[in-house]
Amino acid sequence: MPSQASNTHHIQVSQLCIGLYVHLDLGWMDHPFSTSNFKITDQYQIDTIKSLGLSQLRYDPKRSTVAPLTFNNVVEFPTRKAAAKPNIETVDDRTLTYLQRKQQRLQQTLNESEKKFLKTSLDVKQIQKLANEQPTQALNMAEHLVQDLVTSTLTESDIAIHAMNGARTGDEHYQHEMNTLVLTMMLAKNCNLSEDDTVTIGMAALLHDIGKRQITPKITLKKEPLTHIEKSVYQSHVGLGLNMLKELPVSKKLLTIVAQHHEFADGSGYPAGLKCAEIDALTHLLIIVNMFDNLCNPINPLAAKTPYEALGLMFSQQRQLFDQPLLRQFIKSLGIYPPGSIVRLSDQRLAGVLSTNPQQPLRPFVKIIDENDDLNDDIIDLREAMNINITQCIKQDQLSTVMRTQMFRRHRTNYFIDKAFQ
């Protein structure tokens, strides 16, 4: 029967066949695939899904190239039953084996997610590079990328934001567009926007800074404060981007969002000095997300805020700049401990927050930060490690010199969106 959350349908596992686009309603570490939704391409994937112990799952007719098997032509293949998870609080060899396997599985999934993130960010980079010389091709690529992301986002009941390793995720000069796209998708979903509006704000997030490609990097990538003249040139990227987009078949709504993405609710923004009620409703989403990523990932990495610090600054000192109910929704969406934040655990270890956990916001996935080993990859699922809690969010200036050096090497806070952990 159709799922109320989307146009997906529930089928029995025995109805699987090659060509179906399926959704696994499992956490990302509870299956061996790189994503929770994909098209089946071989029998091995079918056998693997059957081994997970599911009785049914969802499939998307629009993204499938075949129909599910009917009960008259189902062929059963022998599969193993999913092994029951041992009690992780019991310290014995079986528990250690389970924890080790779980750690390996999570590491593998993180690596696969980073590969997927890198592929998407390379597409974003290509779109930006094509914008000047082949704008029509760039627009087509952007539409395809955004539509695919919107479809996968809206068809999942819960989504999560994952912090990616900044040292391993591609050209940092193109990550701002990627981050604003991902974070805008998250906020749009949590605001229950329609698919059309989500596509529009997604396209605007991807293209809002396209005019910067016509400004010298000596200004756009300058780490020192801009002079008055340089600031004027920099701000011209809004008009330059609009002139480029007006030559393409884009909606008036998208043009409006791009034109207004540097406006602020108190009238202190540019280029028109608009106030809150004069700014398009969708633009308010991009204004918030744009500011957040600029605080976390400024041109000068020495000025970077942790996500926790950035949200605190926006709420305590800058809230007059934003649509305040939407700002509160953004803070709620990122969680009490935003991904990319540095936290102290109750056992005194430091850790980086890897992912939001919408159902248990106090117990995210975290990765241990070891002052003596910057390659330490220990990951803790705080939903299961009930004897460990987060006691404090740490600011950059509270870290030791060694720790700050480690964080500087991978200073960017990059994000990707996926199905929430279950």
Protein backbone atom coordinates (compact mmCIF):
# COMPACT_ATOMS: atom_id res chain seq x y z
CA MET A 1 0.00 0.00 0.00
CA PRO A 2 1.22 3.59 -0.59
CA SER A 3 3.19 5.30 2.18
CA GLN A 4 1.51 8.46 3.44
CA ALA A 5 4.88 10.21 3.61
CA SER A 6 5.63 9.76 -0.07
CA ASN A 7 4.71 7.87 -3.20
CA THR A 8 6.55 4.77 -2.02
CA HIS A 9 4.77 1.45 -1.48
CA HIS A 10 5.30 -1.36 1.00
CA ILE A 11 6.07 -4.81 -0.44
CA GLN A 12 7.14 -8.15 0.98
CA VAL A 13 10.84 -8.97 0.87
CA SER A 14 9.97 -12.01 -1.23
CA GLN A 15 8.76 -9.66 -3.99
CA LEU A 16 12.21 -8.15 -4.58
CA CYS A 17 13.74 -8.25 -8.03
CA ILE A 18 16.44 -6.48 -10.02
CA GLY A 19 15.30 -3.03 -11.15
CA LEU A 20 13.32 -2.04 -8.04
CA TYR A 21 14.26 1.20 -6.28
CA VAL A 22 14.02 0.33 -2.60
CA HIS A 23 14.11 2.12 0.76
CA LEU A 24 15.48 0.25 3.77
CA ASP A 25 13.84 1.50 6.97
CA LEU A 26 16.97 0.77 8.97
CA GLY A 27 19.68 2.89 10.49
CA TRP A 28 22.74 3.48 8.31
CA MET A 29 24.87 1.12 10.46
CA ASP A 30 22.29 -1.67 10.42
CA HIS A 31 22.90 -2.62 6.79
CA PRO A 32 26.03 -2.92 4.60
CA PHE A 33 24.90 -0.64 1.76
CA SER A 34 26.34 2.84 1.26
CA THR A 35 22.86 4.44 1.31
CA SER A 36 19.46 3.45 2.67
CA ASN A 37 17.73 3.85 -0.70
CA PHE A 38 18.99 2.59 -4.07
CA LYS A 39 18.07 0.63 -7.20
CA ILE A 40 18.70 -3.12 -7.03
CA THR A 41 21.18 -4.14 -9.72
CA ASP A 42 22.05 -7.78 -8.92
CA GLN A 43 20.94 -10.91 -7.05
CA TYR A 44 23.62 -10.42 -4.41
CA GLN A 45 21.89 -7.25 -3.20
CA ILE A 46 18.59 -9.13 -2.98
CA ASP A 47 20.20 -11.91 -0.93
CA THR A 48 21.83 -9.34 1.33
CA ILE A 49 18.52 -7.54 1.95
CA LYS A 50 16.84 -10.86 2.76
CA SER A 51 19.58 -11.62 5.28
CA LEU A 52 18.69 -8.47 7.25
CA GLY A 53 15.57 -10.07 8.72
CA LEU A 54 13.04 -7.60 7.29
CA SER A 55 9.53 -8.84 6.54
CA GLN A 56 8.72 -5.91 4.25
CA LEU A 57 10.26 -2.73 2.88
CA ARG A 58 9.34 0.23 0.68
CA TYR A 59 9.91 0.69 -3.03
CA ASP A 60 9.44 3.72 -5.30
CA PRO A 61 7.50 2.92 -8.51
CA LYS A 62 8.64 6.13 -10.24
CA ARG A 63 12.32 5.33 -9.79
CA SER A 64 11.97 1.60 -10.51
CA THR A 65 12.27 0.10 -13.99
CA VAL A 66 10.22 -3.02 -13.16
CA ALA A 67 7.26 -3.98 -10.98
CA PRO A 68 7.69 -6.14 -7.86
CA LEU A 69 7.27 -9.87 -8.22
CA THR A 70 3.72 -11.09 -7.72
CA PHE A 71 3.06 -13.84 -5.25
CA ASN A 72 2.47 -16.22 -8.17
CA ASN A 73 6.02 -15.93 -9.50
CA VAL A 74 8.01 -15.38 -6.30
CA VAL A 75 11.08 -17.59 -6.11
CA GLU A 76 12.47 -17.99 -2.61
CA PHE A 77 16.23 -18.15 -2.14
CA PRO A 78 17.69 -19.56 1.06
CA THR A 79 18.86 -16.77 3.35
CA ARG A 80 20.28 -16.61 6.82
CA LYS A 81 18.36 -14.95 9.63
CA ALA A 82 19.72 -11.77 11.07
CA ALA A 83 21.70 -12.48 14.19
CA ALA A 84 20.34 -11.04 17.41
CA LYS A 85 22.46 -8.28 18.88
CA PRO A 86 24.12 -9.26 22.14
CA ASN A 87 23.72 -7.16 25.25
CA ILE A 88 26.49 -4.59 24.94
CA GLU A 89 26.62 -4.09 28.70
CA THR A 90 27.89 -7.64 29.17
CA VAL A 91 31.67 -7.65 28.87
CA ASP A 92 32.64 -10.94 27.24
CA ASP A 93 34.21 -12.10 23.99
CA ARG A 94 30.90 -12.05 22.13
CA THR A 95 30.31 -8.44 23.15
CA LEU A 96 33.78 -7.39 22.07
CA THR A 97 33.28 -9.09 18.72
CA TYR A 98 29.96 -7.31 18.26
CA LEU A 99 31.42 -3.92 19.15
CA GLN A 100 34.39 -4.44 16.86
CA ARG A 101 32.15 -5.46 13.98
CA LYS A 102 29.87 -2.51 14.64
CA GLN A 103 32.85 -0.13 14.67
CA GLN A 104 34.11 -1.51 11.35
CA ARG A 105 30.65 -1.24 9.83
CA LEU A 106 30.19 2.34 10.96
CA GLN A 107 33.63 3.30 9.67
CA GLN A 108 32.82 1.72 6.33
CA THR A 109 29.51 3.56 6.14
CA LEU A 110 31.18 6.86 7.04
CA ASN A 111 33.72 6.30 4.29
CA GLU A 112 30.97 5.53 1.78
CA SER A 113 29.05 8.64 2.85
CA GLU A 114 32.15 10.75 2.37
CA LYS A 115 32.60 9.28 -1.11
CA LYS A 116 29.01 10.15 -1.94
CA PHE A 117 29.50 13.64 -0.50
CA LEU A 118 32.67 14.08 -2.55
CA LYS A 119 30.88 13.00 -5.73
CA THR A 120 28.07 15.49 -5.08
CA SER A 121 30.47 18.29 -4.18
CA LEU A 122 32.43 17.65 -7.38
CA ASP A 123 29.16 18.06 -9.28
CA VAL A 124 28.62 21.36 -7.47
CA LYS A 125 32.14 22.44 -8.41
CA GLN A 126 31.50 21.55 -12.05
CA ILE A 127 28.24 23.52 -12.04
CA GLN A 128 30.03 26.58 -10.70
CA LYS A 129 32.84 26.30 -13.25
CA LEU A 130 30.42 25.90 -16.17
CA ALA A 131 28.27 28.84 -15.08
CA ASN A 132 30.16 31.49 -17.05
CA GLU A 133 30.88 29.65 -20.30
CA GLN A 134 28.07 27.08 -20.52
CA PRO A 135 25.24 28.40 -18.30
CA THR A 136 22.51 26.25 -19.84
CA GLN A 137 24.47 23.05 -19.17
CA ALA A 138 25.24 24.27 -15.64
CA LEU A 139 21.53 24.92 -15.01
CA ASN A 140 20.56 21.46 -16.27
CA MET A 141 23.13 19.84 -14.00
CA ALA A 142 21.90 21.91 -11.05
CA GLU A 143 18.27 20.96 -11.65
CA HIS A 144 19.12 17.27 -11.81
CA LEU A 145 21.25 17.40 -8.64
CA VAL A 146 18.69 19.34 -6.62
CA GLN A 147 15.72 17.26 -7.76
CA ASP A 148 17.51 14.04 -6.83
CA LEU A 149 18.38 15.40 -3.39
CA VAL A 150 14.86 16.73 -2.82
CA THR A 151 13.30 13.40 -3.80
CA SER A 152 15.53 11.38 -1.47
CA THR A 153 14.98 13.90 1.34
CA LEU A 154 11.20 14.14 1.12
CA THR A 155 10.66 10.38 0.82
CA GLU A 156 12.31 9.67 4.18
CA SER A 157 10.30 10.09 7.36
CA ASP A 158 13.34 11.29 9.34
CA ILE A 159 16.56 12.76 8.03
CA ALA A 160 19.81 13.65 9.76
CA ILE A 161 22.71 15.98 9.11
CA HIS A 162 26.16 14.38 9.22
CA ALA A 163 29.40 16.27 9.75
CA MET A 164 31.99 15.20 7.18
CA ASN A 165 35.76 15.20 7.57
CA GLY A 166 36.86 18.55 6.16
CA ALA A 167 40.29 17.21 5.22
CA ARG A 168 38.83 14.57 2.92
CA THR A 169 35.95 16.23 1.14
CA GLY A 170 37.33 18.11 -1.83
CA ASP A 171 38.02 21.68 -2.89
CA GLU A 172 37.05 23.91 0.02
CA HIS A 173 36.37 26.90 -2.27
CA TYR A 174 33.22 25.15 -3.52
CA GLN A 175 31.96 23.75 -0.23
CA HIS A 176 29.89 26.79 0.74
CA GLU A 177 27.35 26.09 -2.01
CA MET A 178 27.24 22.43 -0.97
CA ASN A 179 26.73 23.23 2.70
CA THR A 180 24.02 25.80 2.07
CA LEU A 181 22.23 23.35 -0.21
CA VAL A 182 22.31 20.53 2.35
CA LEU A 183 21.33 22.70 5.32
CA THR A 184 18.56 24.39 3.35
CA MET A 185 17.15 20.96 2.43
CA MET A 186 17.08 20.05 6.12
CA LEU A 187 15.36 23.29 7.13
CA ALA A 188 12.86 23.06 4.25
CA LYS A 189 11.85 19.56 5.31
CA ASN A 190 11.43 20.57 8.94
CA CYS A 191 9.29 23.53 7.83
CA ASN A 192 7.09 21.16 5.77
CA LEU A 193 7.64 23.04 2.54
CA SER A 194 6.05 21.68 -0.63
CA GLU A 195 8.23 19.84 -3.12
CA ASP A 196 8.07 22.78 -5.55
CA ASP A 197 9.21 25.26 -2.89
CA THR A 198 11.93 22.87 -1.71
CA VAL A 199 13.28 22.57 -5.26
CA THR A 200 13.20 26.36 -5.66
CA ILE A 201 15.06 27.08 -2.42
CA GLY A 202 17.49 24.26 -3.20
CA MET A 203 18.28 25.75 -6.60
CA ALA A 204 18.70 29.19 -5.02
CA ALA A 205 21.07 27.76 -2.39
CA LEU A 206 23.17 26.17 -5.10
CA LEU A 207 23.26 29.27 -7.34
CA HIS A 208 23.08 32.20 -4.89
CA ASP A 209 26.79 33.06 -5.12
CA ILE A 210 27.23 32.35 -8.82
CA GLY A 211 28.09 36.01 -9.45
CA LYS A 212 31.29 35.62 -7.38
CA ARG A 213 32.82 33.69 -10.29
CA GLN A 214 33.11 37.04 -12.09
CA ILE A 215 35.03 38.70 -9.25
CA THR A 216 38.77 38.27 -8.75
CA PRO A 217 39.76 35.71 -6.07
CA LYS A 218 42.02 38.41 -4.63
CA ILE A 219 38.79 39.85 -3.21
CA THR A 220 36.53 36.81 -2.75
CA LEU A 221 39.27 34.77 -1.01
CA LYS A 222 40.99 37.60 0.86
CA LYS A 223 41.57 36.67 4.51
CA GLU A 224 42.16 40.21 5.75
CA PRO A 225 39.28 42.71 6.12
CA LEU A 226 38.14 44.19 2.81
CA THR A 227 38.68 47.86 2.06
CA HIS A 228 35.66 50.04 1.32
CA ILE A 229 36.22 49.70 -2.42
CA GLU A 230 36.81 45.94 -2.17
CA LYS A 231 33.64 45.55 -0.15
CA SER A 232 31.67 47.38 -2.83
CA VAL A 233 33.11 45.09 -5.52
CA TYR A 234 32.36 42.03 -3.40
CA GLN A 235 28.74 43.06 -2.86
CA SER A 236 28.31 43.43 -6.61
CA HIS A 237 28.21 39.61 -6.86
CA VAL A 238 24.47 39.75 -6.18
CA GLY A 239 23.76 41.85 -9.27
CA LEU A 240 26.27 39.92 -11.37
CA GLY A 241 24.60 36.65 -10.44
CA LEU A 242 21.15 38.00 -11.26
CA ASN A 243 22.30 39.17 -14.69
CA MET A 244 23.59 35.66 -15.42
CA LEU A 245 20.43 33.93 -14.22
CA LYS A 246 18.07 36.29 -16.07
CA GLU A 247 19.41 34.87 -19.33
CA LEU A 248 18.28 31.37 -18.30
CA PRO A 249 14.82 29.77 -17.95
CA VAL A 250 14.55 30.10 -14.17
CA SER A 251 11.55 31.15 -12.10
CA LYS A 252 10.94 34.68 -10.85
CA LYS A 253 10.85 33.25 -7.33
CA LEU A 254 14.41 31.92 -7.69
CA LEU A 255 15.59 35.32 -8.98
CA THR A 256 13.96 37.01 -6.00
CA ILE A 257 15.71 34.71 -3.52
CA VAL A 258 19.12 35.25 -5.14
CA ALA A 259 18.52 39.03 -5.18
CA GLN A 260 17.65 39.06 -1.46
CA HIS A 261 20.01 36.49 0.10
CA HIS A 262 22.14 39.20 1.78
CA GLU A 263 19.18 41.20 3.14
CA PHE A 264 18.50 41.18 6.89
CA ALA A 265 15.26 41.45 8.85
CA ASP A 266 16.36 44.70 10.54
CA GLY A 267 17.08 46.42 7.20
CA SER A 268 20.88 46.36 7.59
CA GLY A 269 21.53 44.04 4.65
CA TYR A 270 22.23 44.71 0.99
CA PRO A 271 21.65 45.59 -1.83
CA ALA A 272 18.21 47.06 -1.08
CA GLY A 273 18.13 47.34 2.72
CA LEU A 274 14.84 45.42 2.91
CA LYS A 275 13.17 44.69 6.25
CA CYS A 276 11.65 41.42 7.43
CA ALA A 277 8.17 41.75 5.91
CA GLU A 278 9.63 42.91 2.59
CA ILE A 279 11.81 39.82 2.21
CA ASP A 280 10.38 36.76 0.44
CA ALA A 281 9.41 33.99 2.86
CA LEU A 282 11.67 31.40 1.21
CA THR A 283 14.62 33.80 1.20
CA HIS A 284 14.60 33.85 5.00
CA LEU A 285 15.72 30.20 4.99
CA LEU A 286 18.74 30.96 2.83
CA ILE A 287 19.65 34.07 4.83
CA ILE A 288 19.91 32.00 8.03
CA VAL A 289 21.79 29.09 6.47
CA ASN A 290 24.16 31.41 4.60
CA MET A 291 25.13 33.24 7.78
CA PHE A 292 25.59 29.99 9.73
CA ASP A 293 27.98 28.49 7.18
CA ASN A 294 29.90 31.75 6.84
CA LEU A 295 30.45 31.77 10.61
CA CYS A 296 31.58 28.13 10.66
CA ASN A 297 33.67 28.35 7.51
CA PRO A 298 34.99 31.89 6.99
CA ILE A 299 37.71 32.64 4.43
CA ASN A 300 40.14 33.04 7.34
CA PRO A 301 40.01 29.73 9.26
CA LEU A 302 41.37 31.41 12.38
CA ALA A 303 38.02 33.19 12.70
CA ALA A 304 35.96 29.97 12.42
CA LYS A 305 33.26 29.24 14.98
CA THR A 306 32.22 25.77 16.01
CA PRO A 307 28.60 25.04 14.98
CA TYR A 308 27.60 25.32 18.64
CA GLU A 309 29.28 28.73 18.91
CA ALA A 310 27.77 29.89 15.61
CA LEU A 311 24.22 29.05 16.69
CA GLY A 312 24.80 30.71 20.06
CA LEU A 313 26.10 33.88 18.40
CA MET A 314 23.22 34.02 15.92
CA PHE A 315 20.63 33.63 18.68
CA SER A 316 22.18 35.79 21.39
CA GLN A 317 23.75 38.63 19.40
CA GLN A 318 22.35 38.57 15.87
CA ARG A 319 18.75 37.45 16.16
CA GLN A 320 17.48 40.84 14.95
CA LEU A 321 18.94 39.97 11.54
CA PHE A 322 16.68 36.96 11.00
CA ASP A 323 13.10 35.79 10.92
CA GLN A 324 13.12 34.69 14.55
CA PRO A 325 10.60 31.79 14.49
CA LEU A 326 12.56 30.37 11.55
CA LEU A 327 15.85 30.85 13.42
CA ARG A 328 14.45 28.87 16.34
CA GLN A 329 13.37 26.13 13.93
CA PHE A 330 16.87 26.03 12.44
CA ILE A 331 18.44 25.68 15.90
CA LYS A 332 15.96 22.93 16.75
CA SER A 333 16.70 21.16 13.47
CA LEU A 334 20.46 21.08 14.07
CA GLY A 335 19.94 19.81 17.59
CA ILE A 336 21.28 20.58 21.03
CA TYR A 337 24.70 19.40 19.90
CA PRO A 338 25.03 20.41 16.22
CA PRO A 339 27.14 18.11 14.02
CA GLY A 340 30.71 19.36 13.86
CA SER A 341 30.62 20.61 17.46
CA ILE A 342 33.33 19.61 19.95
CA VAL A 343 32.05 18.16 23.22
CA ARG A 344 33.44 16.85 26.48
CA LEU A 345 32.13 13.48 27.62
CA SER A 346 31.45 12.39 31.18
CA ASP A 347 34.63 10.26 31.10
CA GLN A 348 36.56 13.51 30.32
CA ARG A 349 37.40 12.58 26.72
CA LEU A 350 36.82 15.10 23.92
CA ALA A 351 34.77 14.15 20.88
CA GLY A 352 33.38 15.63 17.68
CA VAL A 353 29.65 15.28 17.06
CA LEU A 354 29.12 13.28 13.87
CA SER A 355 25.36 13.26 13.43
CA THR A 356 22.08 14.60 14.66
CA ASN A 357 19.70 12.14 16.29
CA PRO A 358 16.17 13.57 16.00
CA GLN A 359 14.63 11.00 18.35
CA GLN A 360 17.29 11.28 21.08
CA PRO A 361 18.94 14.71 20.70
CA LEU A 362 21.06 14.29 23.84
CA ARG A 363 22.68 11.12 22.51
CA PRO A 364 24.24 11.69 19.06
CA PHE A 365 27.01 9.73 17.37
CA VAL A 366 30.42 11.13 18.31
CA LYS A 367 34.03 10.51 17.26
CA ILE A 368 36.76 10.62 19.90
CA ILE A 369 39.41 13.34 19.50
CA ASP A 370 42.74 12.06 20.84
CA GLU A 371 45.43 14.63 21.55
CA ASN A 372 48.11 11.96 21.14
CA ASP A 373 46.69 10.39 18.01
CA ASP A 374 44.99 12.60 15.42
CA LEU A 375 44.10 9.49 13.38
CA ASN A 376 42.02 8.00 16.17
CA ASP A 377 38.76 6.77 14.65
CA ASP A 378 36.84 5.52 17.69
CA ILE A 379 33.14 6.22 17.22
CA ILE A 380 30.58 6.01 20.00
CA ASP A 381 26.83 5.60 19.63
CA LEU A 382 25.65 7.39 22.76
CA ARG A 383 22.23 5.76 22.41
CA GLU A 384 23.87 2.49 23.43
CA ALA A 385 26.73 3.73 25.63
CA MET A 386 24.31 4.73 28.37
CA ASN A 387 27.11 5.14 30.93
CA ILE A 388 28.58 8.05 28.89
CA ASN A 389 26.99 11.49 28.59
CA ILE A 390 27.90 14.84 27.05
CA THR A 391 28.74 17.29 29.80
CA GLN A 392 29.92 20.37 27.87
CA CYS A 393 30.21 21.93 24.42
CA ILE A 394 33.77 23.19 23.90
CA LYS A 395 34.80 26.44 22.21
CA GLN A 396 37.88 26.64 20.01
CA ASP A 397 39.79 28.76 22.51
CA GLN A 398 39.24 26.14 25.23
CA LEU A 399 41.31 23.56 23.35
CA SER A 400 44.99 22.93 23.93
CA THR A 401 47.49 24.13 21.34
CA VAL A 402 47.92 20.56 20.07
CA MET A 403 44.17 20.07 19.73
CA ARG A 404 43.71 23.40 17.96
CA THR A 405 46.42 22.37 15.49
CA GLN A 406 44.58 19.12 14.83
CA MET A 407 41.30 20.94 14.28
CA PHE A 408 43.00 23.54 12.04
CA ARG A 409 44.20 20.77 9.67
CA ARG A 410 40.60 19.82 8.98
CA HIS A 411 39.04 23.13 9.87
CA ARG A 412 36.06 23.06 7.56
CA THR A 413 32.70 21.93 8.87
CA ASN A 414 31.10 20.15 5.93
CA TYR A 415 27.65 18.57 5.92
CA PHE A 416 25.73 15.89 4.15
CA ILE A 417 22.13 14.78 4.51
CA ASP A 418 20.92 11.21 4.99
CA LYS A 419 18.25 9.09 6.58
CA ALA A 420 18.22 9.43 10.37
CA PHE A 421 19.76 6.68 12.46
CA GLN A 422 17.21 4.21 13.80
